[in-house]
N, C-alpha and C. Protein backbone atom coordinates (compact mmCIF):
# COMPACT_ATOMS: atom_id res chain seq x y z
N MET A 1 24.62 -44.34 1.77
CA MET A 1 25.22 -43.04 2.04
C MET A 1 24.17 -42.25 2.83
N PHE A 2 24.78 -41.31 3.61
CA PHE A 2 23.99 -40.37 4.46
C PHE A 2 23.53 -39.26 3.57
N ASP A 3 22.31 -38.86 3.56
CA ASP A 3 21.65 -37.81 2.68
C ASP A 3 21.56 -36.54 3.57
N ASN A 4 22.13 -35.41 3.15
CA ASN A 4 22.18 -34.23 3.84
C ASN A 4 21.05 -33.20 3.53
N ARG A 5 20.21 -33.58 2.65
CA ARG A 5 19.12 -32.66 2.24
C ARG A 5 18.03 -32.67 3.39
N LYS A 6 17.40 -31.51 3.61
CA LYS A 6 16.36 -31.43 4.46
C LYS A 6 15.08 -32.17 3.99
N ARG A 7 14.34 -32.71 4.98
CA ARG A 7 13.19 -33.42 4.66
C ARG A 7 11.99 -32.94 5.47
N THR A 8 10.79 -33.18 5.12
CA THR A 8 9.64 -32.83 5.95
C THR A 8 9.50 -33.71 7.12
N THR A 9 10.00 -34.90 7.02
CA THR A 9 10.01 -35.91 8.10
C THR A 9 11.52 -36.05 8.52
N ALA A 10 12.05 -35.23 9.40
CA ALA A 10 13.50 -35.29 9.70
C ALA A 10 13.74 -36.24 10.82
N TRP A 11 14.00 -37.50 10.44
CA TRP A 11 14.25 -38.55 11.48
C TRP A 11 15.71 -38.63 11.77
N ASP A 12 16.59 -38.02 10.80
CA ASP A 12 18.00 -38.24 10.95
C ASP A 12 18.68 -37.09 11.69
N GLY A 13 17.92 -36.16 12.29
CA GLY A 13 18.41 -35.10 13.06
C GLY A 13 19.06 -33.93 12.37
N ILE A 14 18.59 -33.63 11.14
CA ILE A 14 19.09 -32.55 10.34
C ILE A 14 18.51 -31.28 11.10
N PRO A 15 19.52 -30.33 11.43
CA PRO A 15 19.09 -29.06 12.22
C PRO A 15 18.28 -28.18 11.31
N GLY A 16 17.43 -27.41 11.98
CA GLY A 16 16.62 -26.36 11.19
C GLY A 16 15.20 -26.78 11.10
N PRO A 17 14.31 -25.79 10.66
CA PRO A 17 12.91 -26.06 10.60
C PRO A 17 12.59 -26.98 9.52
N THR A 18 11.62 -27.84 9.70
CA THR A 18 11.14 -28.72 8.67
C THR A 18 9.79 -28.29 8.19
N GLY A 19 9.39 -28.88 7.10
CA GLY A 19 8.16 -28.51 6.51
C GLY A 19 8.23 -27.46 5.34
N PHE A 20 7.10 -26.97 4.92
CA PHE A 20 7.05 -26.02 4.01
C PHE A 20 7.44 -24.69 4.39
N PRO A 21 7.95 -23.75 3.57
CA PRO A 21 8.32 -22.43 3.81
C PRO A 21 6.95 -21.64 4.19
N ASP A 22 7.21 -20.36 4.75
CA ASP A 22 6.11 -19.49 5.01
C ASP A 22 5.18 -19.19 3.82
N PRO A 23 3.94 -19.56 3.81
CA PRO A 23 3.08 -19.48 2.58
C PRO A 23 2.76 -17.96 2.25
N TRP A 24 2.91 -17.12 3.24
CA TRP A 24 2.61 -15.70 3.03
C TRP A 24 3.89 -14.86 2.83
N SER A 25 4.64 -15.10 1.79
CA SER A 25 5.82 -14.29 1.55
C SER A 25 5.30 -12.90 1.07
N ARG A 26 6.22 -11.97 0.95
CA ARG A 26 5.94 -10.60 0.60
C ARG A 26 5.32 -10.63 -0.85
N THR A 27 5.79 -11.44 -1.75
CA THR A 27 5.25 -11.44 -3.12
C THR A 27 3.72 -12.00 -3.10
N ASP A 28 3.46 -12.91 -2.28
CA ASP A 28 2.07 -13.53 -2.09
C ASP A 28 1.22 -12.48 -1.48
N ARG A 29 1.65 -11.65 -0.53
CA ARG A 29 0.77 -10.69 0.07
C ARG A 29 0.46 -9.63 -0.94
N VAL A 30 1.43 -9.23 -1.84
CA VAL A 30 1.17 -8.21 -2.77
C VAL A 30 0.20 -8.64 -3.81
N ARG A 31 0.36 -9.92 -4.27
CA ARG A 31 -0.60 -10.51 -5.27
C ARG A 31 -1.97 -10.57 -4.66
N ALA A 32 -2.09 -10.95 -3.46
CA ALA A 32 -3.41 -11.06 -2.78
C ALA A 32 -4.14 -9.71 -2.59
N ALA A 33 -3.33 -8.73 -2.37
CA ALA A 33 -3.83 -7.35 -2.23
C ALA A 33 -4.33 -6.73 -3.55
N VAL A 34 -3.56 -7.06 -4.68
CA VAL A 34 -3.88 -6.45 -5.84
C VAL A 34 -4.97 -7.35 -6.58
N ARG A 35 -5.18 -8.52 -6.15
CA ARG A 35 -6.19 -9.43 -6.78
C ARG A 35 -7.48 -8.79 -6.55
N GLY A 36 -8.34 -8.76 -7.56
CA GLY A 36 -9.62 -8.14 -7.47
C GLY A 36 -9.70 -6.74 -8.01
N LEU A 37 -8.62 -6.15 -8.19
CA LEU A 37 -8.53 -4.75 -8.81
C LEU A 37 -8.46 -4.91 -10.28
N PRO A 38 -9.17 -4.09 -11.00
CA PRO A 38 -9.08 -4.13 -12.40
C PRO A 38 -7.65 -3.83 -12.98
N PRO A 39 -7.02 -4.70 -13.85
CA PRO A 39 -5.71 -4.45 -14.28
C PRO A 39 -5.49 -3.22 -15.02
N ARG A 40 -6.53 -2.74 -15.82
CA ARG A 40 -6.36 -1.52 -16.52
C ARG A 40 -6.25 -0.26 -15.63
N ALA A 41 -7.20 -0.35 -14.58
CA ALA A 41 -7.21 0.80 -13.62
C ALA A 41 -5.93 0.76 -12.87
N THR A 42 -5.37 -0.39 -12.50
CA THR A 42 -4.14 -0.40 -11.69
C THR A 42 -3.02 0.12 -12.58
N ALA A 43 -2.89 -0.24 -13.74
CA ALA A 43 -1.92 0.19 -14.66
C ALA A 43 -2.02 1.77 -14.89
N ARG A 44 -3.24 2.27 -14.88
CA ARG A 44 -3.51 3.66 -15.08
C ARG A 44 -3.05 4.41 -13.96
N ALA A 45 -3.26 3.85 -12.66
CA ALA A 45 -2.82 4.59 -11.40
C ALA A 45 -1.44 4.51 -11.35
N VAL A 46 -0.69 3.41 -11.66
CA VAL A 46 0.73 3.46 -11.64
C VAL A 46 1.35 4.40 -12.59
N LEU A 47 0.73 4.50 -13.84
CA LEU A 47 1.21 5.53 -14.78
C LEU A 47 0.98 6.88 -14.27
N GLU A 48 -0.10 7.20 -13.60
CA GLU A 48 -0.35 8.52 -12.97
C GLU A 48 0.79 8.82 -11.96
N LEU A 49 1.07 7.77 -11.14
CA LEU A 49 2.20 7.98 -10.14
C LEU A 49 3.43 8.33 -10.80
N ALA A 50 3.74 7.55 -11.87
CA ALA A 50 5.05 7.88 -12.59
C ALA A 50 5.03 9.24 -13.28
N ARG A 51 3.93 9.60 -13.84
CA ARG A 51 3.80 10.79 -14.59
C ARG A 51 4.05 12.03 -13.56
N HIS A 52 3.53 11.94 -12.39
CA HIS A 52 3.54 12.94 -11.33
C HIS A 52 4.63 12.68 -10.26
N HIS A 53 5.73 12.03 -10.59
CA HIS A 53 6.64 11.62 -9.63
C HIS A 53 7.37 12.86 -8.99
N ARG A 54 7.40 14.01 -9.64
CA ARG A 54 8.07 15.15 -9.03
C ARG A 54 7.24 15.74 -7.85
N ARG A 55 5.96 15.50 -7.94
CA ARG A 55 5.10 15.97 -6.86
C ARG A 55 5.06 15.01 -5.63
N LEU A 56 5.80 13.89 -5.77
CA LEU A 56 5.80 12.89 -4.77
C LEU A 56 7.10 12.96 -3.87
N ARG A 57 7.00 12.99 -2.58
CA ARG A 57 8.29 13.13 -1.83
C ARG A 57 8.73 11.69 -1.29
N TYR A 58 7.86 10.69 -1.49
CA TYR A 58 8.15 9.33 -1.03
C TYR A 58 7.41 8.36 -1.91
N ARG A 59 7.70 7.11 -1.79
CA ARG A 59 7.02 6.02 -2.57
C ARG A 59 5.71 5.72 -1.81
N PRO A 60 4.63 5.80 -2.55
CA PRO A 60 3.37 5.41 -1.93
C PRO A 60 3.18 3.97 -1.48
N THR A 61 2.46 3.71 -0.46
CA THR A 61 2.27 2.32 0.00
C THR A 61 1.26 1.63 -0.95
N LEU A 62 1.20 0.32 -0.79
CA LEU A 62 0.28 -0.49 -1.60
C LEU A 62 -1.21 -0.09 -1.22
N ALA A 63 -1.42 0.15 -0.01
CA ALA A 63 -2.83 0.63 0.39
C ALA A 63 -3.21 2.01 -0.21
N GLN A 64 -2.19 2.87 -0.38
CA GLN A 64 -2.50 4.07 -1.03
C GLN A 64 -2.78 3.97 -2.48
N VAL A 65 -2.02 3.05 -3.11
CA VAL A 65 -2.23 2.84 -4.58
C VAL A 65 -3.57 2.11 -4.74
N GLN A 66 -3.98 1.20 -3.90
CA GLN A 66 -5.22 0.54 -3.88
C GLN A 66 -6.39 1.59 -3.89
N ALA A 67 -6.24 2.46 -3.01
CA ALA A 67 -7.30 3.57 -2.81
C ALA A 67 -7.33 4.38 -4.10
N MET A 68 -6.23 4.64 -4.67
CA MET A 68 -6.18 5.53 -5.90
C MET A 68 -6.84 4.73 -7.06
N VAL A 69 -6.70 3.38 -7.10
CA VAL A 69 -7.32 2.63 -8.09
C VAL A 69 -8.92 2.55 -7.95
N ARG A 70 -9.25 2.33 -6.72
CA ARG A 70 -10.72 2.16 -6.38
C ARG A 70 -11.57 3.50 -6.63
N PHE A 71 -10.83 4.67 -6.38
CA PHE A 71 -11.48 5.89 -6.52
C PHE A 71 -11.29 6.59 -7.92
N GLY A 72 -10.43 5.91 -8.69
CA GLY A 72 -10.16 6.46 -10.03
C GLY A 72 -9.34 7.77 -9.87
N GLY A 73 -8.34 7.75 -8.96
CA GLY A 73 -7.62 8.97 -8.65
C GLY A 73 -6.71 9.37 -9.79
N ARG A 74 -6.47 10.72 -9.83
CA ARG A 74 -5.60 11.29 -10.79
C ARG A 74 -4.87 12.47 -10.19
N GLU A 75 -3.76 12.88 -10.78
CA GLU A 75 -2.91 14.00 -10.27
C GLU A 75 -2.45 13.76 -8.83
N PRO A 76 -1.81 12.75 -8.50
CA PRO A 76 -1.37 12.45 -7.00
C PRO A 76 -0.19 13.42 -6.65
N CYS A 77 -0.21 13.66 -5.38
CA CYS A 77 0.86 14.43 -4.75
C CYS A 77 0.97 14.09 -3.28
N SER A 78 2.09 14.38 -2.70
CA SER A 78 2.26 14.22 -1.28
C SER A 78 1.53 15.12 -0.48
N TYR A 79 1.14 14.70 0.76
CA TYR A 79 0.36 15.51 1.59
C TYR A 79 0.82 15.30 3.07
N VAL A 80 1.26 16.31 3.72
CA VAL A 80 1.67 16.19 5.05
C VAL A 80 0.47 16.04 6.08
N LEU A 81 0.50 15.02 6.77
CA LEU A 81 -0.63 14.73 7.65
C LEU A 81 -0.32 15.34 9.08
N ASP A 82 -0.28 16.63 9.11
CA ASP A 82 -0.08 17.40 10.32
C ASP A 82 -0.95 18.55 10.35
N PRO A 83 -1.77 18.79 11.40
CA PRO A 83 -2.73 19.89 11.45
C PRO A 83 -2.06 21.25 11.39
N ALA A 84 -0.75 21.28 11.83
CA ALA A 84 -0.10 22.53 11.80
C ALA A 84 0.41 22.92 10.38
N VAL A 85 0.41 21.94 9.47
CA VAL A 85 0.89 22.29 8.14
C VAL A 85 -0.20 22.29 7.14
N ASN A 86 -1.16 21.30 7.15
CA ASN A 86 -2.16 21.16 6.21
C ASN A 86 -3.49 20.94 6.91
N PHE A 87 -4.61 21.03 6.16
CA PHE A 87 -5.92 20.80 6.71
C PHE A 87 -6.07 19.41 7.18
N MET A 88 -6.60 19.17 8.33
CA MET A 88 -6.99 17.87 8.81
C MET A 88 -8.41 17.99 9.33
N PRO A 89 -9.15 16.86 9.39
CA PRO A 89 -10.54 16.99 9.96
C PRO A 89 -10.38 17.34 11.46
N GLU A 90 -11.47 18.12 11.92
CA GLU A 90 -11.45 18.37 13.36
C GLU A 90 -11.34 17.20 14.27
N VAL A 91 -12.06 16.18 13.91
CA VAL A 91 -12.00 15.00 14.70
C VAL A 91 -11.53 13.79 13.83
N PRO A 92 -10.26 13.50 13.72
CA PRO A 92 -9.75 12.52 12.87
C PRO A 92 -10.25 11.14 13.42
N PRO A 93 -10.32 10.08 12.70
CA PRO A 93 -10.68 8.79 13.23
C PRO A 93 -9.64 8.27 14.16
N ILE A 94 -10.13 7.36 15.06
CA ILE A 94 -9.29 6.91 16.12
C ILE A 94 -8.13 6.10 15.48
N GLY A 95 -6.92 6.38 15.86
CA GLY A 95 -5.72 5.66 15.28
C GLY A 95 -5.32 6.24 13.95
N PHE A 96 -5.89 7.32 13.58
CA PHE A 96 -5.45 7.94 12.19
C PHE A 96 -4.02 8.41 12.42
N PRO A 97 -3.09 8.00 11.43
CA PRO A 97 -1.65 8.32 11.72
C PRO A 97 -1.45 9.75 11.32
N SER A 98 -0.46 10.35 11.95
CA SER A 98 0.03 11.64 11.51
C SER A 98 1.52 11.52 11.16
N GLY A 99 1.94 12.39 10.28
CA GLY A 99 3.32 12.36 9.82
C GLY A 99 3.40 12.86 8.38
N PRO A 100 4.49 12.54 7.75
CA PRO A 100 4.69 13.17 6.37
C PRO A 100 4.19 12.33 5.20
N ASN A 101 3.41 11.25 5.43
CA ASN A 101 3.19 10.26 4.40
C ASN A 101 1.84 10.17 3.81
N GLY A 102 1.14 11.23 3.65
CA GLY A 102 -0.16 11.15 3.07
C GLY A 102 -0.08 11.36 1.55
N LEU A 103 -1.08 10.71 0.82
CA LEU A 103 -1.18 10.82 -0.67
C LEU A 103 -2.47 11.54 -0.96
N SER A 104 -2.36 12.60 -1.69
CA SER A 104 -3.45 13.39 -2.06
C SER A 104 -3.82 13.21 -3.61
N PHE A 105 -5.04 12.93 -3.93
CA PHE A 105 -5.28 12.89 -5.41
C PHE A 105 -6.79 13.21 -5.69
N ILE A 106 -7.09 13.64 -6.98
CA ILE A 106 -8.32 14.09 -7.28
C ILE A 106 -9.13 12.85 -7.69
N HIS A 107 -10.35 12.71 -7.31
CA HIS A 107 -11.11 11.48 -7.58
C HIS A 107 -12.51 11.95 -8.23
N GLY A 108 -12.57 11.68 -9.43
CA GLY A 108 -13.88 12.03 -10.08
C GLY A 108 -14.30 13.36 -10.09
N GLU A 109 -15.59 13.62 -10.04
CA GLU A 109 -16.17 14.99 -9.85
C GLU A 109 -16.33 15.42 -8.42
N ARG A 110 -15.91 14.59 -7.47
CA ARG A 110 -16.24 14.80 -6.10
C ARG A 110 -15.14 15.80 -5.48
N GLY A 111 -13.97 15.77 -6.01
CA GLY A 111 -12.95 16.75 -5.44
C GLY A 111 -11.73 15.94 -5.09
N GLU A 112 -11.03 16.38 -4.00
CA GLU A 112 -9.69 15.89 -3.57
C GLU A 112 -9.86 15.00 -2.36
N MET A 113 -9.05 13.99 -2.37
CA MET A 113 -9.01 12.99 -1.21
C MET A 113 -7.68 12.80 -0.72
N VAL A 114 -7.46 12.54 0.52
CA VAL A 114 -6.18 12.30 1.18
C VAL A 114 -6.22 10.93 1.84
N VAL A 115 -5.15 10.09 1.52
CA VAL A 115 -5.10 8.72 2.06
C VAL A 115 -3.85 8.60 2.83
N ALA A 116 -4.03 8.06 4.04
CA ALA A 116 -2.91 7.71 4.89
C ALA A 116 -2.12 6.42 4.47
N PRO A 117 -1.01 6.14 5.02
CA PRO A 117 -0.26 4.89 4.57
C PRO A 117 -0.97 3.58 4.80
N ASP A 118 -1.94 3.52 5.70
CA ASP A 118 -2.70 2.33 5.97
C ASP A 118 -3.95 2.20 5.19
N GLY A 119 -4.29 3.14 4.25
CA GLY A 119 -5.39 3.13 3.39
C GLY A 119 -6.61 3.87 3.88
N THR A 120 -6.61 4.34 5.01
CA THR A 120 -7.69 5.21 5.56
C THR A 120 -7.58 6.63 5.09
N GLY A 121 -8.56 7.34 4.99
CA GLY A 121 -8.50 8.65 4.34
C GLY A 121 -9.63 9.54 4.61
N PHE A 122 -9.59 10.74 4.03
CA PHE A 122 -10.71 11.69 4.20
C PHE A 122 -10.81 12.55 2.94
N ALA A 123 -11.97 13.22 2.66
CA ALA A 123 -12.13 14.05 1.53
C ALA A 123 -11.77 15.48 1.98
N LEU A 124 -11.13 16.14 1.07
CA LEU A 124 -10.77 17.59 1.41
C LEU A 124 -12.02 18.52 1.03
N THR A 125 -12.78 18.14 0.07
CA THR A 125 -13.96 18.97 -0.35
C THR A 125 -15.22 18.29 -0.21
């Protein structure tokens, strides 16, 4: 009989790509990004985000959550990345995004920090 299943060695002309699927699926990318972060600190950051969800206007990106974990952030809130609305450094880094998607949080004794969606950021104090 003729076998219709796809194979990695498609000699019978079955249409479509052969071989293994893309190894970097979304789930794999998230696992790789979270790997290396302490599980308790990650859970603490996620709980902080859930506890202060009323102060957030959008869902933080993975890079923002990673920064919050690394700096031990607490009391997160949304921060508009627009110099007309909020404080921004006089000379922002090259390629620093502007828009409504900043995440501000308090980190340790140092003060407040703002993180852009791609993980770059600056200290407010």
